[in-house]
Amino acid sequence: MTIDAAWQVFQEGNRGSLEPGKYADLVVLSGNPLEDPMAMRDLQVERTVVGGATIYRKH
C-alpha cells in the first residue's frame, strides 16, 4: 500500500512507507526488473517476507 492509499484509509501510522515499526511485506528478486523489462519473466523470487517473517526462501 502506498502512502497516499494508506492515508485515505487512516492507516498511515502503520503502513504506506518504509519506516521502523511499519508493516513491510516484500519480495526479493534475483535481479533488477528495471534493467531489462523484457526479461522480467525470467527473474526468480529469492525470498518472500510477510509481517517481518520470511515465509519463502529459495534453496
PDB file of N, CA and C in Angstrom:
ATOM      1  N   MET A   1       0.853  -1.166   0.000  1.00  0.00           N
ATOM      2  CA  MET A   1       0.000   0.000   0.000  1.00  0.00           C
ATOM      3  C   MET A   1       0.902   1.232   0.000  1.00  0.00           C
ATOM      4  N   THR A   2       0.631   2.169  -0.878  1.00  0.00           N
ATOM      5  CA  THR A   2       1.423   3.394  -0.916  1.00  0.00           C
ATOM      6  C   THR A   2       0.978   4.355   0.175  1.00  0.00           C
ATOM      7  N   ILE A   3       1.773   5.368   0.423  1.00  0.00           N
ATOM      8  CA  ILE A   3       1.481   6.328   1.490  1.00  0.00           C
ATOM      9  C   ILE A   3       0.148   7.033   1.272  1.00  0.00           C
ATOM     10  N   ASP A   4      -0.161   7.376   0.020  1.00  0.00           N
ATOM     11  CA  ASP A   4      -1.431   8.060  -0.247  1.00  0.00           C
ATOM     12  C   ASP A   4      -2.626   7.151   0.008  1.00  0.00           C
ATOM     13  N   ALA A   5      -2.516   5.893  -0.431  1.00  0.00           N
ATOM     14  CA  ALA A   5      -3.607   4.946  -0.185  1.00  0.00           C
ATOM     15  C   ALA A   5      -3.756   4.667   1.310  1.00  0.00           C
ATOM     16  N   ALA A   6      -2.646   4.566   2.030  1.00  0.00           N
ATOM     17  CA  ALA A   6      -2.704   4.349   3.479  1.00  0.00           C
ATOM     18  C   ALA A   6      -3.382   5.522   4.169  1.00  0.00           C
ATOM     19  N   TRP A   7      -3.069   6.733   3.735  1.00  0.00           N
ATOM     20  CA  TRP A   7      -3.677   7.935   4.320  1.00  0.00           C
ATOM     21  C   TRP A   7      -5.185   7.939   4.097  1.00  0.00           C
ATOM     22  N   GLN A   8      -5.624   7.519   2.914  1.00  0.00           N
ATOM     23  CA  GLN A   8      -7.058   7.532   2.595  1.00  0.00           C
ATOM     24  C   GLN A   8      -7.866   6.601   3.487  1.00  0.00           C
ATOM     25  N   VAL A   9      -7.245   5.548   3.983  1.00  0.00           N
ATOM     26  CA  VAL A   9      -7.962   4.612   4.857  1.00  0.00           C
ATOM     27  C   VAL A   9      -7.482   4.719   6.307  1.00  0.00           C
ATOM     28  N   PHE A  10      -6.848   5.848   6.636  1.00  0.00           N
ATOM     29  CA  PHE A  10      -6.421   6.151   8.000  1.00  0.00           C
ATOM     30  C   PHE A  10      -5.449   5.117   8.564  1.00  0.00           C
ATOM     31  N   GLN A  11      -4.558   4.587   7.717  1.00  0.00           N
ATOM     32  CA  GLN A  11      -3.588   3.582   8.138  1.00  0.00           C
ATOM     33  C   GLN A  11      -2.142   4.058   7.968  1.00  0.00           C
ATOM     34  N   GLU A  12      -1.939   5.354   7.777  1.00  0.00           N
ATOM     35  CA  GLU A  12      -0.583   5.863   7.534  1.00  0.00           C
ATOM     36  C   GLU A  12       0.342   5.694   8.738  1.00  0.00           C
ATOM     37  N   GLY A  13      -0.206   5.413   9.901  1.00  0.00           N
ATOM     38  CA  GLY A  13       0.618   5.205  11.087  1.00  0.00           C
ATOM     39  C   GLY A  13       1.348   3.875  11.095  1.00  0.00           C
ATOM     40  N   ASN A  14       0.829   2.891  10.341  1.00  0.00           N
ATOM     41  CA  ASN A  14       1.477   1.575  10.382  1.00  0.00           C
ATOM     42  C   ASN A  14       1.779   0.989   9.008  1.00  0.00           C
ATOM     43  N   ARG A  15       1.535   1.729   7.934  1.00  0.00           N
ATOM     44  CA  ARG A  15       1.828   1.241   6.583  1.00  0.00           C
ATOM     45  C   ARG A  15       1.933   2.389   5.601  1.00  0.00           C
ATOM     46  N   GLY A  16       2.392   2.109   4.403  1.00  0.00           N
ATOM     47  CA  GLY A  16       2.433   3.130   3.364  1.00  0.00           C
ATOM     48  C   GLY A  16       3.816   3.663   3.055  1.00  0.00           C
ATOM     49  N   SER A  17       4.763   3.458   3.962  1.00  0.00           N
ATOM     50  CA  SER A  17       6.142   3.874   3.727  1.00  0.00           C
ATOM     51  C   SER A  17       7.065   2.925   4.482  1.00  0.00           C
ATOM     52  N   LEU A  18       8.322   2.881   4.059  1.00  0.00           N
ATOM     53  CA  LEU A  18       9.288   2.003   4.721  1.00  0.00           C
ATOM     54  C   LEU A  18       9.936   2.733   5.885  1.00  0.00           C
ATOM     55  N   GLU A  19       9.472   2.412   7.083  1.00  0.00           N
ATOM     56  CA  GLU A  19       9.975   3.021   8.311  1.00  0.00           C
ATOM     57  C   GLU A  19       9.957   1.976   9.414  1.00  0.00           C
ATOM     58  N   PRO A  20      10.843   2.097  10.394  1.00  0.00           N
ATOM     59  CA  PRO A  20      10.820   1.156  11.520  1.00  0.00           C
ATOM     60  C   PRO A  20       9.445   1.133  12.185  1.00  0.00           C
ATOM     61  N   GLY A  21       8.969  -0.075  12.461  1.00  0.00           N
ATOM     62  CA  GLY A  21       7.689  -0.241  13.141  1.00  0.00           C
ATOM     63  C   GLY A  21       6.486  -0.319  12.223  1.00  0.00           C
ATOM     64  N   LYS A  22       6.682  -0.125  10.917  1.00  0.00           N
ATOM     65  CA  LYS A  22       5.570  -0.219   9.972  1.00  0.00           C
ATOM     66  C   LYS A  22       5.610  -1.574   9.277  1.00  0.00           C
ATOM     67  N   TYR A  23       4.434  -2.018   8.804  1.00  0.00           N
ATOM     68  CA  TYR A  23       4.346  -3.263   8.058  1.00  0.00           C
ATOM     69  C   TYR A  23       5.084  -3.115   6.735  1.00  0.00           C
ATOM     70  N   ALA A  24       5.789  -4.161   6.327  1.00  0.00           N
ATOM     71  CA  ALA A  24       6.514  -4.115   5.058  1.00  0.00           C
ATOM     72  C   ALA A  24       6.620  -5.520   4.474  1.00  0.00           C
ATOM     73  N   ASP A  25       5.575  -5.972   3.811  1.00  0.00           N
ATOM     74  CA  ASP A  25       5.638  -7.236   3.097  1.00  0.00           C
ATOM     75  C   ASP A  25       6.416  -6.979   1.809  1.00  0.00           C
ATOM     76  N   LEU A  26       7.312  -7.895   1.469  1.00  0.00           N
ATOM     77  CA  LEU A  26       8.131  -7.672   0.286  1.00  0.00           C
ATOM     78  C   LEU A  26       8.646  -8.973  -0.304  1.00  0.00           C
ATOM     79  N   VAL A  27       9.130  -8.870  -1.536  1.00  0.00           N
ATOM     80  CA  VAL A  27       9.810  -9.985  -2.183  1.00  0.00           C
ATOM     81  C   VAL A  27      11.198  -9.527  -2.598  1.00  0.00           C
ATOM     82  N   VAL A  28      12.129 -10.464  -2.582  1.00  0.00           N
ATOM     83  CA  VAL A  28      13.488 -10.221  -3.056  1.00  0.00           C
ATOM     84  C   VAL A  28      13.631 -10.997  -4.360  1.00  0.00           C
ATOM     85  N   LEU A  29      13.954 -10.279  -5.430  1.00  0.00           N
ATOM     86  CA  LEU A  29      14.076 -10.897  -6.746  1.00  0.00           C
ATOM     87  C   LEU A  29      15.529 -11.190  -7.077  1.00  0.00           C
ATOM     88  N   SER A  30      15.746 -12.054  -8.046  1.00  0.00           N
ATOM     89  CA  SER A  30      17.096 -12.447  -8.448  1.00  0.00           C
ATOM     90  C   SER A  30      17.801 -11.390  -9.283  1.00  0.00           C
ATOM     91  N   GLY A  31      17.108 -10.357  -9.674  1.00  0.00           N
ATOM     92  CA  GLY A  31      17.704  -9.294 -10.464  1.00  0.00           C
ATOM     93  C   GLY A  31      16.842  -8.049 -10.424  1.00  0.00           C
ATOM     94  N   ASN A  32      17.285  -7.030 -11.125  1.00  0.00           N
ATOM     95  CA  ASN A  32      16.581  -5.755 -11.161  1.00  0.00           C
ATOM     96  C   ASN A  32      15.633  -5.720 -12.362  1.00  0.00           C
ATOM     97  N   PRO A  33      14.318  -5.699 -12.146  1.00  0.00           N
ATOM     98  CA  PRO A  33      13.380  -5.707 -13.267  1.00  0.00           C
ATOM     99  C   PRO A  33      13.434  -4.426 -14.102  1.00  0.00           C
ATOM    100  N   LEU A  34      14.047  -3.384 -13.585  1.00  0.00           N
ATOM    101  CA  LEU A  34      14.142  -2.129 -14.335  1.00  0.00           C
ATOM    102  C   LEU A  34      15.290  -2.141 -15.346  1.00  0.00           C
ATOM    103  N   GLU A  35      16.261  -3.023 -15.143  1.00  0.00           N
ATOM    104  CA  GLU A  35      17.396  -3.078 -16.063  1.00  0.00           C
ATOM    105  C   GLU A  35      16.997  -3.594 -17.434  1.00  0.00           C
ATOM    106  N   ASP A  36      16.144  -4.607 -17.471  1.00  0.00           N
ATOM    107  CA  ASP A  36      15.672  -5.177 -18.736  1.00  0.00           C
ATOM    108  C   ASP A  36      14.229  -5.636 -18.556  1.00  0.00           C
ATOM    109  N   PRO A  37      13.262  -4.742 -18.731  1.00  0.00           N
ATOM    110  CA  PRO A  37      11.860  -5.096 -18.503  1.00  0.00           C
ATOM    111  C   PRO A  37      11.393  -6.299 -19.325  1.00  0.00           C
ATOM    112  N   MET A  38      11.977  -6.511 -20.496  1.00  0.00           N
ATOM    113  CA  MET A  38      11.559  -7.642 -21.331  1.00  0.00           C
ATOM    114  C   MET A  38      11.994  -8.987 -20.719  1.00  0.00           C
ATOM    115  N   ALA A  39      12.969  -8.970 -19.836  1.00  0.00           N
ATOM    116  CA  ALA A  39      13.448 -10.204 -19.202  1.00  0.00           C
ATOM    117  C   ALA A  39      12.821 -10.412 -17.820  1.00  0.00           C
ATOM    118  N   MET A  40      11.842  -9.600 -17.469  1.00  0.00           N
ATOM    119  CA  MET A  40      11.243  -9.672 -16.132  1.00  0.00           C
ATOM    120  C   MET A  40      10.690 -11.063 -15.821  1.00  0.00           C
ATOM    121  N   ARG A  41      10.125 -11.715 -16.803  1.00  0.00           N
ATOM    122  CA  ARG A  41       9.535 -13.035 -16.530  1.00  0.00           C
ATOM    123  C   ARG A  41      10.584 -14.094 -16.208  1.00  0.00           C
ATOM    124  N   ASP A  42      11.848 -13.797 -16.493  1.00  0.00           N
ATOM    125  CA  ASP A  42      12.919 -14.738 -16.177  1.00  0.00           C
ATOM    126  C   ASP A  42      13.452 -14.584 -14.757  1.00  0.00           C
ATOM    127  N   LEU A  43      13.065 -13.526 -14.066  1.00  0.00           N
ATOM    128  CA  LEU A  43      13.526 -13.315 -12.696  1.00  0.00           C
ATOM    129  C   LEU A  43      12.909 -14.357 -11.772  1.00  0.00           C
ATOM    130  N   GLN A  44      13.670 -14.723 -10.755  1.00  0.00           N
ATOM    131  CA  GLN A  44      13.209 -15.689  -9.763  1.00  0.00           C
ATOM    132  C   GLN A  44      12.947 -14.976  -8.440  1.00  0.00           C
ATOM    133  N   VAL A  45      11.979 -15.467  -7.695  1.00  0.00           N
ATOM    134  CA  VAL A  45      11.739 -14.957  -6.343  1.00  0.00           C
ATOM    135  C   VAL A  45      12.723 -15.657  -5.426  1.00  0.00           C
ATOM    136  N   GLU A  46      13.575 -14.874  -4.779  1.00  0.00           N
ATOM    137  CA  GLU A  46      14.579 -15.421  -3.874  1.00  0.00           C
ATOM    138  C   GLU A  46      14.045 -15.552  -2.446  1.00  0.00           C
ATOM    139  N   ARG A  47      13.194 -14.607  -2.051  1.00  0.00           N
ATOM    140  CA  ARG A  47      12.668 -14.603  -0.684  1.00  0.00           C
ATOM    141  C   ARG A  47      11.363 -13.810  -0.654  1.00  0.00           C
ATOM    142  N   THR A  48      10.437 -14.229   0.202  1.00  0.00           N
ATOM    143  CA  THR A  48       9.199 -13.501   0.450  1.00  0.00           C
ATOM    144  C   THR A  48       9.092 -13.261   1.948  1.00  0.00           C
ATOM    145  N   VAL A  49       8.860 -12.007   2.327  1.00  0.00           N
ATOM    146  CA  VAL A  49       8.755 -11.627   3.734  1.00  0.00           C
ATOM    147  C   VAL A  49       7.367 -11.029   3.963  1.00  0.00           C
ATOM    148  N   VAL A  50       6.656 -11.557   4.942  1.00  0.00           N
ATOM    149  CA  VAL A  50       5.326 -11.072   5.297  1.00  0.00           C
ATOM    150  C   VAL A  50       5.299 -10.823   6.798  1.00  0.00           C
ATOM    151  N   GLY A  51       4.951  -9.604   7.178  1.00  0.00           N
ATOM    152  CA  GLY A  51       4.877  -9.273   8.598  1.00  0.00           C
ATOM    153  C   GLY A  51       6.200  -9.427   9.322  1.00  0.00           C
ATOM    154  N   GLY A  52       7.297  -9.239   8.614  1.00  0.00           N
ATOM    155  CA  GLY A  52       8.616  -9.345   9.217  1.00  0.00           C
ATOM    156  C   GLY A  52       9.181 -10.746   9.284  1.00  0.00           C
ATOM    157  N   ALA A  53       8.413 -11.749   8.845  1.00  0.00           N
ATOM    158  CA  ALA A  53       8.878 -13.130   8.881  1.00  0.00           C
ATOM    159  C   ALA A  53       9.075 -13.646   7.460  1.00  0.00           C
ATOM    160  N   THR A  54      10.191 -14.324   7.226  1.00  0.00           N
ATOM    161  CA  THR A  54      10.431 -14.947   5.930  1.00  0.00           C
ATOM    162  C   THR A  54       9.504 -16.143   5.801  1.00  0.00           C
ATOM    163  N   ILE A  55       8.645 -16.127   4.778  1.00  0.00           N
ATOM    164  CA  ILE A  55       7.735 -17.248   4.583  1.00  0.00           C
ATOM    165  C   ILE A  55       8.152 -18.114   3.391  1.00  0.00           C
ATOM    166  N   TYR A  56       9.083 -17.594   2.587  1.00  0.00           N
ATOM    167  CA  TYR A  56       9.640 -18.372   1.484  1.00  0.00           C
ATOM    168  C   TYR A  56      11.089 -17.973   1.285  1.00  0.00           C
ATOM    169  N   ARG A  57      11.945 -18.950   1.140  1.00  0.00           N
ATOM    170  CA  ARG A  57      13.341 -18.719   0.809  1.00  0.00           C
ATOM    171  C   ARG A  57      13.761 -19.782  -0.194  1.00  0.00           C
ATOM    172  N   LYS A  58      14.278 -19.328  -1.341  1.00  0.00           N
ATOM    173  CA  LYS A  58      14.738 -20.254  -2.360  1.00  0.00           C
ATOM    174  C   LYS A  58      15.940 -21.020  -1.833  1.00  0.00           C
ATOM    175  N   HIS A  59      15.919 -22.304  -2.012  1.00  0.00           N
ATOM    176  CA  HIS A  59      17.018 -23.151  -1.500  1.00  0.00           C
ATOM    177  C   HIS A  59      18.182 -23.161  -2.447  1.00  0.00           C
TER     178      HIS A  59
END
